[in-house]
Amino acid sequence: MARYLSLDWIDAVADEIAADDALQDLAEQHEIGITQVVSGGPEGDVIYHLQAGSGTITFGAGPADPEDVRMEQSWDTAVAIATGALNAQEAFLNGHIRLHGDQQALLGAQPVFGALDAVFNTVAGRTEYA
């Protein structure tokens, strides 16, 4: 089991994304760089990214380059969303997730996020959230 947001977890998500042909196809149609910053976790603050464009989609530690959108949230918020205890839209609306950057780019990449749900669900079965 990988701890949520650990380097092992990030690598597991990256491997699933790399093996997903549908996501790679979506990266032909959508271009976005997203940085996630999660503060106050068991291993300290975590920064990871999703980069899509030119037929490639990657996931890894560190910030996106180029970065179109940056999302910041606490460990508790990230875990609540990942485990289904909190709806992501509700978290945005209530200010639990702070969004910086190009919101239109984020909205335009919604098909990518829809396809990512299957990846995160697969990895969730091998994830420890404590």
N, C-alpha and C. Protein backbone atom coordinates (compact mmCIF):
# COMPACT_ATOMS: atom_id res chain seq x y z
N MET A 1 0.84 -1.19 0.00
CA MET A 1 0.00 0.00 0.00
C MET A 1 0.88 1.25 0.00
N ALA A 2 0.50 2.20 -0.82
CA ALA A 2 1.21 3.48 -0.87
C ALA A 2 0.42 4.51 -0.08
N ARG A 3 1.14 5.32 0.69
CA ARG A 3 0.47 6.40 1.41
C ARG A 3 0.05 7.46 0.41
N TYR A 4 -1.16 7.97 0.56
CA TYR A 4 -1.69 9.01 -0.30
C TYR A 4 -0.71 10.18 -0.39
N LEU A 5 -0.42 10.62 -1.59
CA LEU A 5 0.44 11.73 -1.95
C LEU A 5 1.92 11.50 -1.69
N SER A 6 2.31 10.26 -1.32
CA SER A 6 3.72 9.94 -1.20
C SER A 6 4.32 9.80 -2.59
N LEU A 7 5.65 9.73 -2.68
CA LEU A 7 6.28 9.53 -3.99
C LEU A 7 5.86 8.20 -4.60
N ASP A 8 5.67 7.17 -3.77
CA ASP A 8 5.18 5.88 -4.29
C ASP A 8 3.80 6.02 -4.90
N TRP A 9 2.94 6.78 -4.24
CA TRP A 9 1.58 7.01 -4.77
C TRP A 9 1.64 7.79 -6.07
N ILE A 10 2.46 8.85 -6.10
CA ILE A 10 2.60 9.64 -7.32
C ILE A 10 3.09 8.76 -8.47
N ASP A 11 4.06 7.89 -8.18
CA ASP A 11 4.58 6.97 -9.21
C ASP A 11 3.50 6.00 -9.68
N ALA A 12 2.68 5.50 -8.76
CA ALA A 12 1.61 4.57 -9.13
C ALA A 12 0.59 5.24 -10.05
N VAL A 13 0.23 6.47 -9.73
CA VAL A 13 -0.70 7.22 -10.60
C VAL A 13 -0.05 7.47 -11.95
N ALA A 14 1.21 7.87 -11.96
CA ALA A 14 1.92 8.14 -13.21
C ALA A 14 1.96 6.90 -14.10
N ASP A 15 2.20 5.73 -13.50
CA ASP A 15 2.24 4.49 -14.27
C ASP A 15 0.89 4.18 -14.90
N GLU A 16 -0.19 4.36 -14.14
CA GLU A 16 -1.54 4.11 -14.66
C GLU A 16 -1.87 5.08 -15.80
N ILE A 17 -1.49 6.33 -15.64
CA ILE A 17 -1.74 7.33 -16.68
C ILE A 17 -0.97 6.98 -17.96
N ALA A 18 0.28 6.60 -17.80
CA ALA A 18 1.12 6.27 -18.97
C ALA A 18 0.56 5.08 -19.74
N ALA A 19 -0.12 4.18 -19.04
CA ALA A 19 -0.65 2.97 -19.68
C ALA A 19 -2.05 3.17 -20.25
N ASP A 20 -2.64 4.34 -20.06
CA ASP A 20 -4.02 4.58 -20.46
C ASP A 20 -4.06 5.27 -21.83
N ASP A 21 -4.38 4.50 -22.87
CA ASP A 21 -4.41 5.03 -24.24
C ASP A 21 -5.44 6.14 -24.42
N ALA A 22 -6.58 6.03 -23.73
CA ALA A 22 -7.61 7.06 -23.85
C ALA A 22 -7.11 8.40 -23.34
N LEU A 23 -6.36 8.39 -22.25
CA LEU A 23 -5.81 9.64 -21.74
C LEU A 23 -4.78 10.22 -22.69
N GLN A 24 -3.96 9.36 -23.26
CA GLN A 24 -2.97 9.85 -24.23
C GLN A 24 -3.66 10.47 -25.44
N ASP A 25 -4.77 9.86 -25.87
CA ASP A 25 -5.54 10.42 -26.98
C ASP A 25 -6.13 11.79 -26.63
N LEU A 26 -6.63 11.92 -25.40
CA LEU A 26 -7.18 13.20 -24.96
C LEU A 26 -6.11 14.30 -24.95
N ALA A 27 -4.88 13.90 -24.71
CA ALA A 27 -3.78 14.87 -24.69
C ALA A 27 -3.46 15.40 -26.08
N GLU A 28 -4.02 14.79 -27.12
CA GLU A 28 -3.91 15.34 -28.47
C GLU A 28 -4.83 16.55 -28.63
N GLN A 29 -5.93 16.54 -27.88
CA GLN A 29 -6.97 17.56 -28.03
C GLN A 29 -6.94 18.63 -26.95
N HIS A 30 -6.25 18.36 -25.84
CA HIS A 30 -6.26 19.28 -24.70
C HIS A 30 -4.84 19.54 -24.24
N GLU A 31 -4.59 20.79 -23.90
CA GLU A 31 -3.27 21.16 -23.40
C GLU A 31 -3.44 21.94 -22.10
N ILE A 32 -2.82 21.42 -21.03
CA ILE A 32 -2.92 22.09 -19.74
C ILE A 32 -1.80 21.61 -18.83
N GLY A 33 -1.33 22.51 -17.98
CA GLY A 33 -0.39 22.18 -16.93
C GLY A 33 -0.99 22.58 -15.60
N ILE A 34 -1.15 21.62 -14.71
CA ILE A 34 -1.79 21.87 -13.41
C ILE A 34 -0.82 21.48 -12.30
N THR A 35 -0.64 22.39 -11.37
CA THR A 35 0.14 22.11 -10.18
C THR A 35 -0.81 22.00 -9.00
N GLN A 36 -0.64 20.96 -8.21
CA GLN A 36 -1.40 20.77 -6.97
C GLN A 36 -0.44 20.98 -5.81
N VAL A 37 -0.84 21.78 -4.85
CA VAL A 37 -0.08 21.98 -3.62
C VAL A 37 -0.97 21.55 -2.46
N VAL A 38 -0.50 20.56 -1.71
CA VAL A 38 -1.24 20.05 -0.56
C VAL A 38 -0.39 20.30 0.68
N SER A 39 -0.92 21.06 1.61
CA SER A 39 -0.15 21.45 2.79
C SER A 39 -0.57 20.67 4.03
N GLY A 40 0.41 20.49 4.91
CA GLY A 40 0.13 19.92 6.22
C GLY A 40 -0.05 18.42 6.26
N GLY A 41 0.50 17.69 5.31
CA GLY A 41 0.38 16.23 5.31
C GLY A 41 1.39 15.57 6.21
N PRO A 42 1.29 14.25 6.37
CA PRO A 42 2.22 13.51 7.22
C PRO A 42 3.67 13.62 6.78
N GLU A 43 3.88 13.84 5.49
CA GLU A 43 5.24 13.99 4.96
C GLU A 43 5.55 15.45 4.64
N GLY A 44 4.78 16.37 5.22
CA GLY A 44 4.95 17.79 4.95
C GLY A 44 4.12 18.21 3.75
N ASP A 45 4.48 19.34 3.18
CA ASP A 45 3.77 19.84 2.00
C ASP A 45 4.18 19.02 0.78
N VAL A 46 3.21 18.79 -0.11
CA VAL A 46 3.45 18.00 -1.32
C VAL A 46 3.06 18.84 -2.53
N ILE A 47 3.92 18.84 -3.53
CA ILE A 47 3.64 19.51 -4.79
C ILE A 47 3.76 18.47 -5.90
N TYR A 48 2.71 18.35 -6.70
CA TYR A 48 2.74 17.43 -7.83
C TYR A 48 1.99 18.06 -9.00
N HIS A 49 2.13 17.46 -10.18
CA HIS A 49 1.56 18.09 -11.37
C HIS A 49 0.96 17.07 -12.34
N LEU A 50 0.12 17.61 -13.18
CA LEU A 50 -0.41 16.91 -14.35
C LEU A 50 -0.09 17.81 -15.54
N GLN A 51 0.51 17.23 -16.56
CA GLN A 51 0.86 17.98 -17.77
C GLN A 51 0.28 17.25 -18.97
N ALA A 52 -0.54 17.93 -19.75
CA ALA A 52 -1.14 17.31 -20.94
C ALA A 52 -0.93 18.21 -22.14
N GLY A 53 -0.68 17.57 -23.29
CA GLY A 53 -0.55 18.31 -24.54
C GLY A 53 0.31 17.55 -25.53
N SER A 54 0.09 17.82 -26.80
CA SER A 54 0.86 17.21 -27.90
C SER A 54 0.86 15.69 -27.83
N GLY A 55 -0.26 15.12 -27.40
CA GLY A 55 -0.41 13.66 -27.39
C GLY A 55 0.24 12.96 -26.22
N THR A 56 0.68 13.71 -25.22
CA THR A 56 1.31 13.11 -24.04
C THR A 56 0.69 13.68 -22.79
N ILE A 57 0.48 12.81 -21.82
CA ILE A 57 0.00 13.26 -20.52
C ILE A 57 0.89 12.62 -19.47
N THR A 58 1.40 13.45 -18.56
CA THR A 58 2.29 12.97 -17.52
C THR A 58 1.83 13.46 -16.16
N PHE A 59 2.29 12.78 -15.14
CA PHE A 59 1.95 13.06 -13.75
C PHE A 59 3.22 12.85 -12.95
N GLY A 60 3.56 13.78 -12.08
CA GLY A 60 4.78 13.59 -11.32
C GLY A 60 4.94 14.60 -10.20
N ALA A 61 6.01 14.42 -9.44
CA ALA A 61 6.34 15.32 -8.35
C ALA A 61 6.81 16.65 -8.92
N GLY A 62 6.59 17.71 -8.15
CA GLY A 62 7.03 19.04 -8.54
C GLY A 62 5.96 19.78 -9.33
N PRO A 63 6.23 21.05 -9.63
CA PRO A 63 5.25 21.88 -10.34
C PRO A 63 5.18 21.59 -11.83
N ALA A 64 4.06 21.94 -12.42
CA ALA A 64 3.89 21.84 -13.88
C ALA A 64 4.75 22.90 -14.55
N ASP A 65 5.20 22.59 -15.76
CA ASP A 65 5.98 23.54 -16.53
C ASP A 65 5.68 23.36 -18.01
N PRO A 66 4.89 24.24 -18.60
CA PRO A 66 4.36 25.46 -18.03
C PRO A 66 3.14 25.17 -17.14
N GLU A 67 2.92 26.08 -16.23
CA GLU A 67 1.80 25.96 -15.28
C GLU A 67 0.68 26.90 -15.70
N ASP A 68 -0.47 26.31 -16.04
CA ASP A 68 -1.65 27.11 -16.37
C ASP A 68 -2.50 27.38 -15.14
N VAL A 69 -2.56 26.38 -14.26
CA VAL A 69 -3.42 26.44 -13.08
C VAL A 69 -2.67 25.89 -11.88
N ARG A 70 -2.86 26.54 -10.74
CA ARG A 70 -2.31 26.04 -9.48
C ARG A 70 -3.48 25.93 -8.50
N MET A 71 -3.59 24.76 -7.87
CA MET A 71 -4.61 24.53 -6.86
C MET A 71 -3.92 24.27 -5.53
N GLU A 72 -4.40 24.92 -4.48
CA GLU A 72 -3.83 24.76 -3.15
C GLU A 72 -4.93 24.32 -2.19
N GLN A 73 -4.59 23.34 -1.36
CA GLN A 73 -5.55 22.83 -0.39
C GLN A 73 -4.80 22.18 0.76
N SER A 74 -5.51 21.95 1.85
CA SER A 74 -4.92 21.28 3.01
C SER A 74 -4.96 19.76 2.81
N TRP A 75 -4.15 19.06 3.59
CA TRP A 75 -4.15 17.60 3.60
C TRP A 75 -5.55 17.07 3.88
N ASP A 76 -6.23 17.64 4.90
CA ASP A 76 -7.56 17.16 5.27
C ASP A 76 -8.54 17.29 4.10
N THR A 77 -8.48 18.40 3.38
CA THR A 77 -9.36 18.58 2.23
C THR A 77 -9.03 17.58 1.14
N ALA A 78 -7.75 17.40 0.84
CA ALA A 78 -7.34 16.46 -0.21
C ALA A 78 -7.79 15.04 0.11
N VAL A 79 -7.63 14.61 1.35
CA VAL A 79 -8.04 13.26 1.75
C VAL A 79 -9.56 13.13 1.67
N ALA A 80 -10.28 14.14 2.14
CA ALA A 80 -11.74 14.08 2.10
C ALA A 80 -12.25 13.96 0.66
N ILE A 81 -11.63 14.67 -0.27
CA ILE A 81 -12.04 14.57 -1.67
C ILE A 81 -11.67 13.21 -2.23
N ALA A 82 -10.46 12.75 -1.96
CA ALA A 82 -9.98 11.47 -2.50
C ALA A 82 -10.80 10.28 -1.99
N THR A 83 -11.31 10.37 -0.79
CA THR A 83 -12.08 9.26 -0.21
C THR A 83 -13.58 9.41 -0.43
N GLY A 84 -13.99 10.50 -1.06
CA GLY A 84 -15.41 10.70 -1.34
C GLY A 84 -16.19 11.33 -0.20
N ALA A 85 -15.52 11.73 0.86
CA ALA A 85 -16.21 12.36 1.99
C ALA A 85 -16.59 13.81 1.68
N LEU A 86 -15.93 14.42 0.68
CA LEU A 86 -16.20 15.79 0.28
C LEU A 86 -16.20 15.87 -1.24
N ASN A 87 -17.19 16.52 -1.78
CA ASN A 87 -17.30 16.74 -3.21
C ASN A 87 -16.33 17.86 -3.61
N ALA A 88 -15.59 17.65 -4.69
CA ALA A 88 -14.59 18.63 -5.12
C ALA A 88 -15.23 19.98 -5.46
N GLN A 89 -16.38 19.95 -6.12
CA GLN A 89 -17.05 21.22 -6.45
C GLN A 89 -17.42 21.98 -5.18
N GLU A 90 -17.93 21.26 -4.20
CA GLU A 90 -18.29 21.87 -2.93
C GLU A 90 -17.05 22.47 -2.26
N ALA A 91 -15.94 21.76 -2.34
CA ALA A 91 -14.69 22.25 -1.75
C ALA A 91 -14.26 23.56 -2.42
N PHE A 92 -14.39 23.67 -3.75
CA PHE A 92 -14.08 24.91 -4.45
C PHE A 92 -15.00 26.03 -3.99
N LEU A 93 -16.29 25.74 -4.00
CA LEU A 93 -17.26 26.77 -3.67
C LEU A 93 -17.11 27.29 -2.25
N ASN A 94 -16.69 26.43 -1.33
CA ASN A 94 -16.55 26.82 0.06
C ASN A 94 -15.14 27.32 0.41
N GLY A 95 -14.29 27.46 -0.61
CA GLY A 95 -12.96 28.02 -0.38
C GLY A 95 -11.94 27.07 0.20
N HIS A 96 -12.23 25.77 0.20
CA HIS A 96 -11.27 24.79 0.72
C HIS A 96 -10.16 24.51 -0.29
N ILE A 97 -10.44 24.78 -1.56
CA ILE A 97 -9.43 24.68 -2.61
C ILE A 97 -9.29 26.07 -3.21
N ARG A 98 -8.06 26.57 -3.18
CA ARG A 98 -7.79 27.88 -3.77
C ARG A 98 -7.22 27.67 -5.17
N LEU A 99 -7.80 28.36 -6.11
CA LEU A 99 -7.45 28.20 -7.52
C LEU A 99 -6.79 29.48 -8.03
N HIS A 100 -5.64 29.31 -8.70
CA HIS A 100 -4.90 30.43 -9.28
C HIS A 100 -4.63 30.09 -10.74
N GLY A 101 -4.77 31.07 -11.61
CA GLY A 101 -4.42 30.84 -13.00
C GLY A 101 -5.61 30.88 -13.94
N ASP A 102 -5.48 30.17 -15.03
CA ASP A 102 -6.42 30.20 -16.15
C ASP A 102 -7.60 29.24 -15.92
N GLN A 103 -8.68 29.77 -15.37
CA GLN A 103 -9.85 28.94 -15.08
C GLN A 103 -10.48 28.39 -16.36
N GLN A 104 -10.40 29.14 -17.46
CA GLN A 104 -10.96 28.66 -18.72
C GLN A 104 -10.20 27.43 -19.22
N ALA A 105 -8.89 27.42 -19.04
CA ALA A 105 -8.10 26.25 -19.42
C ALA A 105 -8.53 25.03 -18.61
N LEU A 106 -8.80 25.25 -17.35
CA LEU A 106 -9.26 24.18 -16.47
C LEU A 106 -10.61 23.63 -16.94
N LEU A 107 -11.52 24.52 -17.26
CA LEU A 107 -12.83 24.10 -17.76
C LEU A 107 -12.71 23.38 -19.10
N GLY A 108 -11.84 23.85 -19.95
CA GLY A 108 -11.65 23.23 -21.25
C GLY A 108 -11.07 21.83 -21.19
N ALA A 109 -10.40 21.52 -20.10
CA ALA A 109 -9.77 20.20 -19.95
C ALA A 109 -10.64 19.21 -19.18
N GLN A 110 -11.91 19.51 -18.99
CA GLN A 110 -12.79 18.62 -18.23
C GLN A 110 -12.81 17.18 -18.75
N PRO A 111 -12.75 16.93 -20.06
CA PRO A 111 -12.71 15.53 -20.51
C PRO A 111 -11.49 14.77 -19.97
N VAL A 112 -10.38 15.46 -19.80
CA VAL A 112 -9.19 14.83 -19.23
C VAL A 112 -9.47 14.41 -17.79
N PHE A 113 -10.09 15.30 -17.02
CA PHE A 113 -10.37 14.99 -15.62
C PHE A 113 -11.38 13.86 -15.49
N GLY A 114 -12.33 13.82 -16.40
CA GLY A 114 -13.29 12.71 -16.39
C GLY A 114 -12.59 11.38 -16.60
N ALA A 115 -11.65 11.34 -17.52
CA ALA A 115 -10.90 10.10 -17.78
C ALA A 115 -9.95 9.76 -16.63
N LEU A 116 -9.47 10.77 -15.92
CA LEU A 116 -8.58 10.53 -14.79
C LEU A 116 -9.28 9.85 -13.62
N ASP A 117 -10.59 10.01 -13.52
CA ASP A 117 -11.33 9.37 -12.43
C ASP A 117 -11.07 7.87 -12.36
N ALA A 118 -11.04 7.20 -13.51
CA ALA A 118 -10.79 5.76 -13.53
C ALA A 118 -9.40 5.44 -13.00
N VAL A 119 -8.42 6.26 -13.34
CA VAL A 119 -7.05 6.06 -12.85
C VAL A 119 -7.02 6.20 -11.33
N PHE A 120 -7.59 7.27 -10.82
CA PHE A 120 -7.57 7.49 -9.38
C PHE A 120 -8.35 6.40 -8.64
N ASN A 121 -9.44 5.92 -9.22
CA ASN A 121 -10.19 4.82 -8.60
C ASN A 121 -9.37 3.54 -8.56
N THR A 122 -8.61 3.27 -9.60
CA THR A 122 -7.75 2.09 -9.62
C THR A 122 -6.68 2.18 -8.54
N VAL A 123 -6.03 3.30 -8.45
CA VAL A 123 -4.96 3.47 -7.48
C VAL A 123 -5.51 3.54 -6.05
N ALA A 124 -6.73 4.00 -5.88
CA ALA A 124 -7.32 4.11 -4.55
C ALA A 124 -7.35 2.77 -3.81
N GLY A 125 -7.53 1.69 -4.55
CA GLY A 125 -7.55 0.37 -3.92
C GLY A 125 -6.21 -0.05 -3.34
N ARG A 126 -5.16 0.68 -3.70
CA ARG A 126 -3.82 0.37 -3.22
C ARG A 126 -3.25 1.54 -2.41
N THR A 127 -4.15 2.36 -1.85
CA THR A 127 -3.73 3.59 -1.17
C THR A 127 -4.16 3.58 0.28
N GLU A 128 -3.25 4.06 1.13
CA GLU A 128 -3.51 4.26 2.56
C GLU A 128 -3.67 5.76 2.77
N TYR A 129 -4.75 6.18 3.41
CA TYR A 129 -5.05 7.61 3.56
C TYR A 129 -4.73 8.14 4.95
N ALA A 130 -4.12 7.39 5.80
CA ALA A 130 -3.82 7.84 7.17
C ALA A 130 -2.53 8.62 7.22
